[in-house]
Each structure stands twice: as C-alpha cells, then as structure tokens.
C-alpha cells in the first residue's frame, strides 16, 4: 500500500468521521506571540456584529489590556453582546476601575472565584480558570495559551522609552496623529500643537475628539502626559473622559489668554507651567 494511503488509513482509524465534531469549510491560523495574536483578536472584536465571549486567566491593566478593553467597549457601545470571564486570582492585580469602566459601557463581566482564604487548605481552593478563549459571532474562535497581557520579553526594551515624554526628543510631525488614551478610554488623536513663540516650548497638544465627542477639540498640556508609547503610537494621560468633557471649552477661534489657561489648569487642579516662569499674558499660536 502506498505510503500516502497508509497515513490516510491511520488518520481514519484514529479519528473516525462518526466521532469527529469538526465541520468542513473551516481553517486554522497559527498566531505566534502577542504581536500576531492581539491585532487579530482586536480586529475580530471590531468586526463583531452580535456577540463576543472572552475567557482569560490573566487580564492586566497594561497597554495590551487597555487596548483589548477598549475594543470590547467599542463593540458593546454599538450593540454587540459582550461577555467577559476572568479569574479572580490570575487577574487579582486588575484595578476595580477597569471592570467598572467596562461595565459602564455595557460589557457583562464575571469573576471566577474572586477570593481565596489563606486559611483554607482544601484542594478545591486551587481550582482556577485557566482557559484563554475568545469566540466572536460563533464564527471565529481564538484558543491557546496567551493571556491578555503584554509580551514582556518582546517589549522590555521599549518600556524605558515609554515612561516619560520629552517633546524635544521627537518632532511634532512624528506625534501628530497619535491616539490619546485617557484613564478610562481613548478620546481622540493629536491634531496640532500650540507653541510658545517666545521660547519655542510646546504648551499644548490640540486633540481632535471627533470619534468620541463629535465637533469638539480639547487641549492637553505636556506636563499631564504620563508616557508615550512609540510602538503603539499612543499618548497616555491620567485624566478621565468625563473630566475632559467638563473642561473649559476650546475652539480654534479662541485667543489663548492667561485667564483661559488658569481656568483650564484650575479645572484639573493642576499647577500651571507659568508659576516659575515670566511669560506674556497671551500666547499666540
């Protein structure tokens, strides 16, 4: 019997058709590491029309976790039924603010065994949710061993680069178009800059919020930036979306005066850059 026929016969013996639950017409794609997995799962979430189910052991509040969380929020806000199950021990470091933010946008979240008593020694206490599964519209499934956490080895070298932003080290042209990530979700992208023509210091980033808050633009001072992820083209700020919405209104026709800047910084209870500087009353763009 030809070798190929032997292989086919062996396969049929091991996996008879009557015992198989596989359906014809499907395909399998190997996604190696987070650099392939996370863009694929995010894209699937963005294409979802009906439902998303996500189970994971670890869900971290890092750049990857926030990225996936934002994709789940976007899906829920457009009417997709989104369900998420995380493990209470594996995801114990997840701040309460993230599940609260996801829930506020319509994501339904359950935590498997959220707490373990250190004084309980039954074997049951070690049972955890270790599945890493995502199912989208009952058409696409992701299975494997990747948690919702950044590939630490892959991104270790870039972490130091993301900790702080010195606007003098990168041109404004490079940062234009970067997405702005607030503490509870994305708000828009960098459209332009306001520069002090006296000393060429960048005073504010002008943020276009059309996809979140249509028709509005807001100002973000460089001092309010926590870090910049050059690899993700994102600027991270420690301000909430609601606080940004309530800030003094900005329009391109507005003459930027010290009075406006004082009100803007006062709204966030943050010190103005001019405290230790002698600057003119107005800063033309």
C-alpha atoms as a PDB file:
ATOM      1  CA  UNK A   1       0.000   0.000   0.000  1.00  0.00           C
ATOM      2  CA  UNK A   2       1.443   3.442  -0.905  1.00  0.00           C
ATOM      3  CA  UNK A   3       2.776   5.478   1.998  1.00  0.00           C
ATOM      4  CA  UNK A   4       0.175   8.226   1.494  1.00  0.00           C
ATOM      5  CA  UNK A   5      -2.684   5.729   1.724  1.00  0.00           C
ATOM      6  CA  UNK A   6      -1.234   4.299   4.936  1.00  0.00           C
ATOM      7  CA  UNK A   7      -1.214   7.782   6.512  1.00  0.00           C
ATOM      8  CA  UNK A   8      -4.806   8.346   5.394  1.00  0.00           C
ATOM      9  CA  UNK A   9      -5.911   4.948   6.751  1.00  0.00           C
ATOM     10  CA  UNK A  10      -4.186   5.634  10.099  1.00  0.00           C
ATOM     11  CA  UNK A  11      -5.897   9.023  10.354  1.00  0.00           C
ATOM     12  CA  UNK A  12      -9.306   7.467   9.633  1.00  0.00           C
ATOM     13  CA  UNK A  13      -8.722   4.806  12.265  1.00  0.00           C
ATOM     14  CA  UNK A  14      -7.683   7.327  14.905  1.00  0.00           C
ATOM     15  CA  UNK A  15     -10.302   9.945  14.041  1.00  0.00           C
ATOM     16  CA  UNK A  16     -13.342   8.222  12.539  1.00  0.00           C
ATOM     17  CA  UNK A  17     -15.895  10.554  10.973  1.00  0.00           C
ATOM     18  CA  UNK A  18     -18.619   9.455  13.369  1.00  0.00           C
ATOM     19  CA  UNK A  19     -16.559  10.675  16.345  1.00  0.00           C
ATOM     20  CA  UNK A  20     -15.458  13.974  14.836  1.00  0.00           C
ATOM     21  CA  UNK A  21     -17.161  17.280  15.676  1.00  0.00           C
ATOM     22  CA  UNK A  22     -15.195  19.221  13.074  1.00  0.00           C
ATOM     23  CA  UNK A  23     -17.195  20.991  10.395  1.00  0.00           C
ATOM     24  CA  UNK A  24     -15.873  21.255   6.877  1.00  0.00           C
ATOM     25  CA  UNK A  25     -15.089  24.590   5.274  1.00  0.00           C
ATOM     26  CA  UNK A  26     -13.108  25.983   8.233  1.00  0.00           C
ATOM     27  CA  UNK A  27      -9.472  26.927   8.531  1.00  0.00           C
ATOM     28  CA  UNK A  28      -6.875  27.225  11.268  1.00  0.00           C
ATOM     29  CA  UNK A  29      -4.294  30.012  11.507  1.00  0.00           C
ATOM     30  CA  UNK A  30      -1.324  29.875  13.879  1.00  0.00           C
ATOM     31  CA  UNK A  31      -0.782  33.184  15.684  1.00  0.00           C
ATOM     32  CA  UNK A  32       2.653  33.280  17.293  1.00  0.00           C
ATOM     33  CA  UNK A  33       3.161  35.611  20.238  1.00  0.00           C
ATOM     34  CA  UNK A  34       1.180  38.673  21.152  1.00  0.00           C
ATOM     35  CA  UNK A  35       2.416  40.684  18.188  1.00  0.00           C
ATOM     36  CA  UNK A  36       0.260  38.484  15.945  1.00  0.00           C
ATOM     37  CA  UNK A  37      -2.466  37.490  18.411  1.00  0.00           C
ATOM     38  CA  UNK A  38      -3.611  40.834  19.796  1.00  0.00           C
ATOM     39  CA  UNK A  39      -4.066  42.701  16.477  1.00  0.00           C
ATOM     40  CA  UNK A  40      -6.050  39.700  15.185  1.00  0.00           C
ATOM     41  CA  UNK A  41      -8.350  39.446  18.193  1.00  0.00           C
ATOM     42  CA  UNK A  42      -8.834  43.236  18.304  1.00  0.00           C
ATOM     43  CA  UNK A  43      -9.801  43.247  14.623  1.00  0.00           C
ATOM     44  CA  UNK A  44     -12.259  40.389  15.231  1.00  0.00           C
ATOM     45  CA  UNK A  45     -13.846  42.319  18.108  1.00  0.00           C
ATOM     46  CA  UNK A  46     -14.153  45.404  15.896  1.00  0.00           C
ATOM     47  CA  UNK A  47     -15.919  43.326  13.213  1.00  0.00           C
ATOM     48  CA  UNK A  48     -18.293  41.623  15.669  1.00  0.00           C
ATOM     49  CA  UNK A  49     -21.973  42.107  14.929  1.00  0.00           C
ATOM     50  CA  UNK A  50     -23.802  40.010  17.511  1.00  0.00           C
ATOM     51  CA  UNK A  51     -21.772  38.624  20.409  1.00  0.00           C
ATOM     52  CA  UNK A  52     -18.321  38.279  21.935  1.00  0.00           C
ATOM     53  CA  UNK A  53     -17.292  35.778  24.619  1.00  0.00           C
ATOM     54  CA  UNK A  54     -13.873  36.193  26.244  1.00  0.00           C
ATOM     55  CA  UNK A  55     -12.361  33.989  28.959  1.00  0.00           C
ATOM     56  CA  UNK A  56      -8.877  34.534  30.319  1.00  0.00           C
ATOM     57  CA  UNK A  57      -6.811  33.741  33.392  1.00  0.00           C
ATOM     58  CA  UNK A  58      -4.827  36.989  33.421  1.00  0.00           C
ATOM     59  CA  UNK A  59      -6.184  40.366  32.337  1.00  0.00           C
ATOM     60  CA  UNK A  60      -3.628  43.082  33.044  1.00  0.00           C
ATOM     61  CA  UNK A  61      -4.136  46.823  33.192  1.00  0.00           C
ATOM     62  CA  UNK A  62      -1.192  47.439  30.845  1.00  0.00           C
ATOM     63  CA  UNK A  63      -1.132  48.788  27.290  1.00  0.00           C
ATOM     64  CA  UNK A  64      -2.354  45.476  25.895  1.00  0.00           C
ATOM     65  CA  UNK A  65      -5.110  45.069  28.476  1.00  0.00           C
ATOM     66  CA  UNK A  66      -6.372  48.602  27.898  1.00  0.00           C
ATOM     67  CA  UNK A  67      -6.240  48.066  24.143  1.00  0.00           C
ATOM     68  CA  UNK A  68      -8.400  44.936  24.347  1.00  0.00           C
ATOM     69  CA  UNK A  69     -10.695  46.578  26.900  1.00  0.00           C
ATOM     70  CA  UNK A  70     -11.250  49.485  24.509  1.00  0.00           C
ATOM     71  CA  UNK A  71     -12.129  47.059  21.697  1.00  0.00           C
ATOM     72  CA  UNK A  72     -14.676  45.344  23.971  1.00  0.00           C
ATOM     73  CA  UNK A  73     -16.163  48.722  24.897  1.00  0.00           C
ATOM     74  CA  UNK A  74     -16.459  49.767  21.275  1.00  0.00           C
ATOM     75  CA  UNK A  75     -18.305  46.554  20.499  1.00  0.00           C
ATOM     76  CA  UNK A  76     -20.682  46.910  23.447  1.00  0.00           C
ATOM     77  CA  UNK A  77     -21.428  50.543  22.610  1.00  0.00           C
ATOM     78  CA  UNK A  78     -22.501  49.622  19.085  1.00  0.00           C
ATOM     79  CA  UNK A  79     -24.921  46.999  20.375  1.00  0.00           C
ATOM     80  CA  UNK A  80     -22.870  43.795  20.448  1.00  0.00           C
ATOM     81  CA  UNK A  81     -23.496  41.499  23.432  1.00  0.00           C
ATOM     82  CA  UNK A  82     -20.105  41.283  25.145  1.00  0.00           C
ATOM     83  CA  UNK A  83     -19.366  38.760  27.904  1.00  0.00           C
ATOM     84  CA  UNK A  84     -16.061  38.514  29.774  1.00  0.00           C
ATOM     85  CA  UNK A  85     -14.969  35.964  32.399  1.00  0.00           C
ATOM     86  CA  UNK A  86     -11.673  36.421  34.229  1.00  0.00           C
ATOM     87  CA  UNK A  87     -10.026  34.506  37.041  1.00  0.00           C
ATOM     88  CA  UNK A  88     -10.094  36.077  40.492  1.00  0.00           C
ATOM     89  CA  UNK A  89      -6.537  35.026  41.311  1.00  0.00           C
ATOM     90  CA  UNK A  90      -4.849  35.376  37.925  1.00  0.00           C
ATOM     91  CA  UNK A  91      -6.348  38.856  37.495  1.00  0.00           C
ATOM     92  CA  UNK A  92      -6.107  39.913  41.146  1.00  0.00           C
ATOM     93  CA  UNK A  93      -3.921  42.884  40.177  1.00  0.00           C
ATOM     94  CA  UNK A  94      -6.599  44.361  37.912  1.00  0.00           C
ATOM     95  CA  UNK A  95      -7.781  47.655  39.450  1.00  0.00           C
ATOM     96  CA  UNK A  96     -11.504  47.878  40.145  1.00  0.00           C
ATOM     97  CA  UNK A  97     -11.739  50.885  37.848  1.00  0.00           C
ATOM     98  CA  UNK A  98     -11.293  48.760  34.716  1.00  0.00           C
ATOM     99  CA  UNK A  99     -14.195  46.319  35.321  1.00  0.00           C
ATOM    100  CA  UNK A 100     -16.309  49.291  36.421  1.00  0.00           C
ATOM    101  CA  UNK A 101     -15.460  51.174  33.230  1.00  0.00           C
ATOM    102  CA  UNK A 102     -16.180  48.119  31.063  1.00  0.00           C
ATOM    103  CA  UNK A 103     -19.467  47.520  32.855  1.00  0.00           C
ATOM    104  CA  UNK A 104     -20.491  51.152  32.450  1.00  0.00           C
ATOM    105  CA  UNK A 105     -20.133  50.771  28.677  1.00  0.00           C
ATOM    106  CA  UNK A 106     -22.201  47.580  28.598  1.00  0.00           C
ATOM    107  CA  UNK A 107     -19.672  44.759  28.924  1.00  0.00           C
ATOM    108  CA  UNK A 108     -21.019  41.958  31.131  1.00  0.00           C
ATOM    109  CA  UNK A 109     -18.243  40.745  33.460  1.00  0.00           C
ATOM    110  CA  UNK A 110     -17.958  37.788  35.808  1.00  0.00           C
ATOM    111  CA  UNK A 111     -15.001  36.974  38.072  1.00  0.00           C
ATOM    112  CA  UNK A 112     -14.338  33.287  38.747  1.00  0.00           C
ATOM    113  CA  UNK A 113     -13.665  32.753  42.455  1.00  0.00           C
ATOM    114  CA  UNK A 114     -12.686  36.340  43.250  1.00  0.00           C
ATOM    115  CA  UNK A 115     -11.087  35.483  46.588  1.00  0.00           C
ATOM    116  CA  UNK A 116      -9.259  32.673  48.380  1.00  0.00           C
ATOM    117  CA  UNK A 117      -8.881  32.456  52.127  1.00  0.00           C
ATOM    118  CA  UNK A 118      -5.246  31.803  53.096  1.00  0.00           C
ATOM    119  CA  UNK A 119      -6.554  29.618  55.912  1.00  0.00           C
ATOM    120  CA  UNK A 120      -8.440  27.185  53.651  1.00  0.00           C
ATOM    121  CA  UNK A 121      -6.412  24.122  52.684  1.00  0.00           C
ATOM    122  CA  UNK A 122      -8.907  22.049  50.735  1.00  0.00           C
ATOM    123  CA  UNK A 123      -7.800  21.015  47.243  1.00  0.00           C
ATOM    124  CA  UNK A 124     -10.778  22.914  45.774  1.00  0.00           C
ATOM    125  CA  UNK A 125      -9.101  26.208  46.683  1.00  0.00           C
ATOM    126  CA  UNK A 126      -6.532  25.657  43.914  1.00  0.00           C
ATOM    127  CA  UNK A 127      -9.072  25.352  41.111  1.00  0.00           C
ATOM    128  CA  UNK A 128      -8.745  28.334  38.817  1.00  0.00           C
ATOM    129  CA  UNK A 129      -9.980  29.440  35.417  1.00  0.00           C
ATOM    130  CA  UNK A 130      -7.024  28.851  33.115  1.00  0.00           C
ATOM    131  CA  UNK A 131      -8.881  28.946  29.811  1.00  0.00           C
ATOM    132  CA  UNK A 132      -7.821  31.527  27.229  1.00  0.00           C
ATOM    133  CA  UNK A 133     -10.726  31.530  24.783  1.00  0.00           C
ATOM    134  CA  UNK A 134     -12.484  34.128  22.657  1.00  0.00           C
ATOM    135  CA  UNK A 135     -15.490  33.444  20.424  1.00  0.00           C
ATOM    136  CA  UNK A 136     -16.895  36.072  18.071  1.00  0.00           C
ATOM    137  CA  UNK A 137     -20.339  35.727  16.462  1.00  0.00           C
ATOM    138  CA  UNK A 138     -19.961  31.913  16.724  1.00  0.00           C
ATOM    139  CA  UNK A 139     -17.825  32.134  13.597  1.00  0.00           C
ATOM    140  CA  UNK A 140     -14.314  32.948  14.816  1.00  0.00           C
ATOM    141  CA  UNK A 141     -12.593  31.404  17.825  1.00  0.00           C
ATOM    142  CA  UNK A 142      -9.228  32.064  19.452  1.00  0.00           C
ATOM    143  CA  UNK A 143      -7.744  29.333  21.655  1.00  0.00           C
ATOM    144  CA  UNK A 144      -4.286  28.837  23.090  1.00  0.00           C
ATOM    145  CA  UNK A 145      -2.097  29.932  25.960  1.00  0.00           C
ATOM    146  CA  UNK A 146      -1.911  33.723  25.578  1.00  0.00           C
ATOM    147  CA  UNK A 147      -3.347  35.822  28.407  1.00  0.00           C
ATOM    148  CA  UNK A 148      -4.421  39.431  27.993  1.00  0.00           C
ATOM    149  CA  UNK A 149      -1.072  40.849  28.990  1.00  0.00           C
ATOM    150  CA  UNK A 150       1.757  42.474  27.095  1.00  0.00           C
ATOM    151  CA  UNK A 151       4.611  40.272  25.848  1.00  0.00           C
ATOM    152  CA  UNK A 152       7.127  41.338  28.458  1.00  0.00           C
ATOM    153  CA  UNK A 153      10.165  39.915  26.683  1.00  0.00           C
ATOM    154  CA  UNK A 154       9.114  41.459  23.375  1.00  0.00           C
ATOM    155  CA  UNK A 155       8.545  44.922  24.829  1.00  0.00           C
ATOM    156  CA  UNK A 156      11.125  45.041  27.647  1.00  0.00           C
ATOM    157  CA  UNK A 157      13.449  47.269  25.666  1.00  0.00           C
ATOM    158  CA  UNK A 158      10.680  49.766  24.907  1.00  0.00           C
ATOM    159  CA  UNK A 159       9.408  50.197  28.466  1.00  0.00           C
ATOM    160  CA  UNK A 160      12.035  52.754  29.426  1.00  0.00           C
ATOM    161  CA  UNK A 161      11.226  54.693  26.291  1.00  0.00           C
ATOM    162  CA  UNK A 162       7.566  54.888  27.314  1.00  0.00           C
ATOM    163  CA  UNK A 163       7.982  56.083  30.880  1.00  0.00           C
ATOM    164  CA  UNK A 164       8.272  59.750  30.085  1.00  0.00           C
ATOM    165  CA  UNK A 165       7.940  62.072  27.139  1.00  0.00           C
ATOM    166  CA  UNK A 166      10.395  64.802  26.327  1.00  0.00           C
ATOM    167  CA  UNK A 167       8.822  66.751  23.459  1.00  0.00           C
ATOM    168  CA  UNK A 168      12.240  67.978  22.410  1.00  0.00           C
ATOM    169  CA  UNK A 169      13.403  64.443  21.538  1.00  0.00           C
ATOM    170  CA  UNK A 170      10.770  63.774  18.858  1.00  0.00           C
ATOM    171  CA  UNK A 171       9.409  66.101  16.215  1.00  0.00           C
ATOM    172  CA  UNK A 172       5.797  67.277  16.403  1.00  0.00           C
ATOM    173  CA  UNK A 173       5.318  65.757  12.958  1.00  0.00           C
ATOM    174  CA  UNK A 174       6.020  62.284  14.380  1.00  0.00           C
ATOM    175  CA  UNK A 175       3.498  62.660  17.225  1.00  0.00           C
ATOM    176  CA  UNK A 176       0.749  64.206  15.069  1.00  0.00           C
ATOM    177  CA  UNK A 177      -1.954  61.595  14.630  1.00  0.00           C
ATOM    178  CA  UNK A 178      -1.055  59.664  17.804  1.00  0.00           C
ATOM    179  CA  UNK A 179      -4.084  58.442  19.761  1.00  0.00           C
ATOM    180  CA  UNK A 180      -4.752  59.943  23.192  1.00  0.00           C
ATOM    181  CA  UNK A 181      -5.565  57.392  25.896  1.00  0.00           C
ATOM    182  CA  UNK A 182      -7.347  58.798  28.957  1.00  0.00           C
ATOM    183  CA  UNK A 183      -7.517  56.840  32.222  1.00  0.00           C
ATOM    184  CA  UNK A 184     -10.801  55.225  31.158  1.00  0.00           C
ATOM    185  CA  UNK A 185     -10.649  55.076  27.378  1.00  0.00           C
ATOM    186  CA  UNK A 186      -9.490  56.684  24.171  1.00  0.00           C
ATOM    187  CA  UNK A 187     -10.580  60.275  23.480  1.00  0.00           C
ATOM    188  CA  UNK A 188      -9.129  61.126  20.066  1.00  0.00           C
ATOM    189  CA  UNK A 189      -5.871  61.917  18.304  1.00  0.00           C
ATOM    190  CA  UNK A 190      -3.235  64.645  18.253  1.00  0.00           C
ATOM    191  CA  UNK A 191      -4.164  67.149  15.546  1.00  0.00           C
ATOM    192  CA  UNK A 192      -1.828  70.057  16.211  1.00  0.00           C
ATOM    193  CA  UNK A 193       0.269  71.876  18.795  1.00  0.00           C
ATOM    194  CA  UNK A 194       0.247  75.278  20.462  1.00  0.00           C
ATOM    195  CA  UNK A 195       3.819  76.521  20.708  1.00  0.00           C
ATOM    196  CA  UNK A 196       5.075  79.480  22.700  1.00  0.00           C
ATOM    197  CA  UNK A 197       6.843  81.631  20.105  1.00  0.00           C
ATOM    198  CA  UNK A 198       8.915  83.240  22.841  1.00  0.00           C
ATOM    199  CA  UNK A 199      10.915  80.147  23.756  1.00  0.00           C
ATOM    200  CA  UNK A 200       9.535  77.524  21.303  1.00  0.00           C
ATOM    201  CA  UNK A 201       8.172  75.405  24.155  1.00  0.00           C
ATOM    202  CA  UNK A 202       5.210  73.148  23.387  1.00  0.00           C
ATOM    203  CA  UNK A 203       2.426  74.424  25.616  1.00  0.00           C
ATOM    204  CA  UNK A 204      -0.486  72.218  24.498  1.00  0.00           C
ATOM    205  CA  UNK A 205      -1.478  69.365  22.252  1.00  0.00           C
ATOM    206  CA  UNK A 206      -4.695  70.034  20.343  1.00  0.00           C
ATOM    207  CA  UNK A 207      -6.755  66.838  20.440  1.00  0.00           C
ATOM    208  CA  UNK A 208      -9.429  66.085  17.849  1.00  0.00           C
ATOM    209  CA  UNK A 209     -12.162  64.100  19.620  1.00  0.00           C
ATOM    210  CA  UNK A 210     -14.444  63.522  16.629  1.00  0.00           C
ATOM    211  CA  UNK A 211     -14.863  59.759  17.180  1.00  0.00           C
ATOM    212  CA  UNK A 212     -15.709  60.185  20.873  1.00  0.00           C
ATOM    213  CA  UNK A 213     -17.072  63.721  21.239  1.00  0.00           C
ATOM    214  CA  UNK A 214     -18.022  64.932  17.731  1.00  0.00           C
ATOM    215  CA  UNK A 215     -17.331  68.543  16.883  1.00  0.00           C
ATOM    216  CA  UNK A 216     -15.091  69.265  19.875  1.00  0.00           C
ATOM    217  CA  UNK A 217     -11.389  69.746  20.455  1.00  0.00           C
ATOM    218  CA  UNK A 218      -9.526  69.839  23.745  1.00  0.00           C
ATOM    219  CA  UNK A 219      -6.125  70.972  24.973  1.00  0.00           C
ATOM    220  CA  UNK A 220      -3.696  68.683  26.782  1.00  0.00           C
ATOM    221  CA  UNK A 221      -0.550  70.096  28.377  1.00  0.00           C
ATOM    222  CA  UNK A 222       2.679  68.068  28.007  1.00  0.00           C
ATOM    223  CA  UNK A 223       3.020  68.050  31.808  1.00  0.00           C
ATOM    224  CA  UNK A 224      -0.163  65.970  32.047  1.00  0.00           C
ATOM    225  CA  UNK A 225       1.270  63.158  29.935  1.00  0.00           C
ATOM    226  CA  UNK A 226       2.193  60.000  31.828  1.00  0.00           C
ATOM    227  CA  UNK A 227       4.080  58.420  28.962  1.00  0.00           C
ATOM    228  CA  UNK A 228       4.157  57.924  25.209  1.00  0.00           C
ATOM    229  CA  UNK A 229       4.171  54.506  23.567  1.00  0.00           C
ATOM    230  CA  UNK A 230       6.103  54.967  20.353  1.00  0.00           C
ATOM    231  CA  UNK A 231       5.459  51.340  19.413  1.00  0.00           C
ATOM    232  CA  UNK A 232       1.663  51.805  19.681  1.00  0.00           C
ATOM    233  CA  UNK A 233       1.516  55.448  18.554  1.00  0.00           C
ATOM    234  CA  UNK A 234      -0.312  56.378  21.761  1.00  0.00           C
ATOM    235  CA  UNK A 235      -0.109  59.159  24.327  1.00  0.00           C
ATOM    236  CA  UNK A 236      -1.301  58.229  27.834  1.00  0.00           C
ATOM    237  CA  UNK A 237      -2.755  60.831  30.225  1.00  0.00           C
ATOM    238  CA  UNK A 238      -4.059  60.389  33.761  1.00  0.00           C
ATOM    239  CA  UNK A 239      -7.332  62.261  33.197  1.00  0.00           C
ATOM    240  CA  UNK A 240     -10.816  60.779  32.889  1.00  0.00           C
ATOM    241  CA  UNK A 241     -13.022  61.313  29.857  1.00  0.00           C
ATOM    242  CA  UNK A 242     -15.704  62.951  31.998  1.00  0.00           C
ATOM    243  CA  UNK A 243     -13.201  65.425  33.439  1.00  0.00           C
ATOM    244  CA  UNK A 244     -12.055  66.280  29.918  1.00  0.00           C
ATOM    245  CA  UNK A 245     -15.658  66.814  28.809  1.00  0.00           C
ATOM    246  CA  UNK A 246     -16.239  69.250  31.661  1.00  0.00           C
ATOM    247  CA  UNK A 247     -13.097  71.288  30.945  1.00  0.00           C
ATOM    248  CA  UNK A 248     -13.359  74.884  29.669  1.00  0.00           C
ATOM    249  CA  UNK A 249     -14.389  74.825  26.020  1.00  0.00           C
ATOM    250  CA  UNK A 250     -11.696  75.347  23.408  1.00  0.00           C
ATOM    251  CA  UNK A 251     -12.178  76.469  19.817  1.00  0.00           C
ATOM    252  CA  UNK A 252      -9.635  77.378  17.166  1.00  0.00           C
ATOM    253  CA  UNK A 253     -11.058  80.913  17.145  1.00  0.00           C
ATOM    254  CA  UNK A 254     -10.283  81.301  20.844  1.00  0.00           C
ATOM    255  CA  UNK A 255      -7.467  83.670  21.759  1.00  0.00           C
ATOM    256  CA  UNK A 256      -5.406  81.746  24.284  1.00  0.00           C
ATOM    257  CA  UNK A 257      -5.098  84.035  27.305  1.00  0.00           C
ATOM    258  CA  UNK A 258      -3.672  83.550  30.769  1.00  0.00           C
ATOM    259  CA  UNK A 259      -7.218  83.736  32.137  1.00  0.00           C
ATOM    260  CA  UNK A 260      -8.256  80.745  29.997  1.00  0.00           C
ATOM    261  CA  UNK A 261      -5.106  78.803  30.918  1.00  0.00           C
ATOM    262  CA  UNK A 262      -5.725  79.482  34.617  1.00  0.00           C
ATOM    263  CA  UNK A 263      -9.287  78.182  34.329  1.00  0.00           C
ATOM    264  CA  UNK A 264      -8.120  75.132  32.353  1.00  0.00           C
ATOM    265  CA  UNK A 265      -5.423  74.147  34.863  1.00  0.00           C
ATOM    266  CA  UNK A 266      -7.721  75.005  37.766  1.00  0.00           C
ATOM    267  CA  UNK A 267     -10.378  72.672  36.388  1.00  0.00           C
ATOM    268  CA  UNK A 268      -7.940  69.748  36.672  1.00  0.00           C
ATOM    269  CA  UNK A 269      -6.433  71.116  39.905  1.00  0.00           C
ATOM    270  CA  UNK A 270      -3.016  71.123  38.317  1.00  0.00           C
ATOM    271  CA  UNK A 271      -0.309  73.753  38.562  1.00  0.00           C
ATOM    272  CA  UNK A 272       0.319  75.934  35.530  1.00  0.00           C
ATOM    273  CA  UNK A 273       3.665  75.950  33.774  1.00  0.00           C
ATOM    274  CA  UNK A 274       3.927  79.722  34.274  1.00  0.00           C
ATOM    275  CA  UNK A 275       4.263  79.505  38.068  1.00  0.00           C
ATOM    276  CA  UNK A 276       8.051  79.550  37.827  1.00  0.00           C
ATOM    277  CA  UNK A 277       8.234  81.419  34.550  1.00  0.00           C
ATOM    278  CA  UNK A 278       7.802  85.005  33.466  1.00  0.00           C
ATOM    279  CA  UNK A 279       5.634  84.798  30.377  1.00  0.00           C
ATOM    280  CA  UNK A 280       3.478  87.305  28.475  1.00  0.00           C
ATOM    281  CA  UNK A 281      -0.291  87.455  29.011  1.00  0.00           C
ATOM    282  CA  UNK A 282      -1.165  85.853  25.674  1.00  0.00           C
ATOM    283  CA  UNK A 283       0.415  83.018  23.698  1.00  0.00           C
ATOM    284  CA  UNK A 284      -0.418  83.307  20.014  1.00  0.00           C
ATOM    285  CA  UNK A 285      -0.396  80.065  18.098  1.00  0.00           C
END
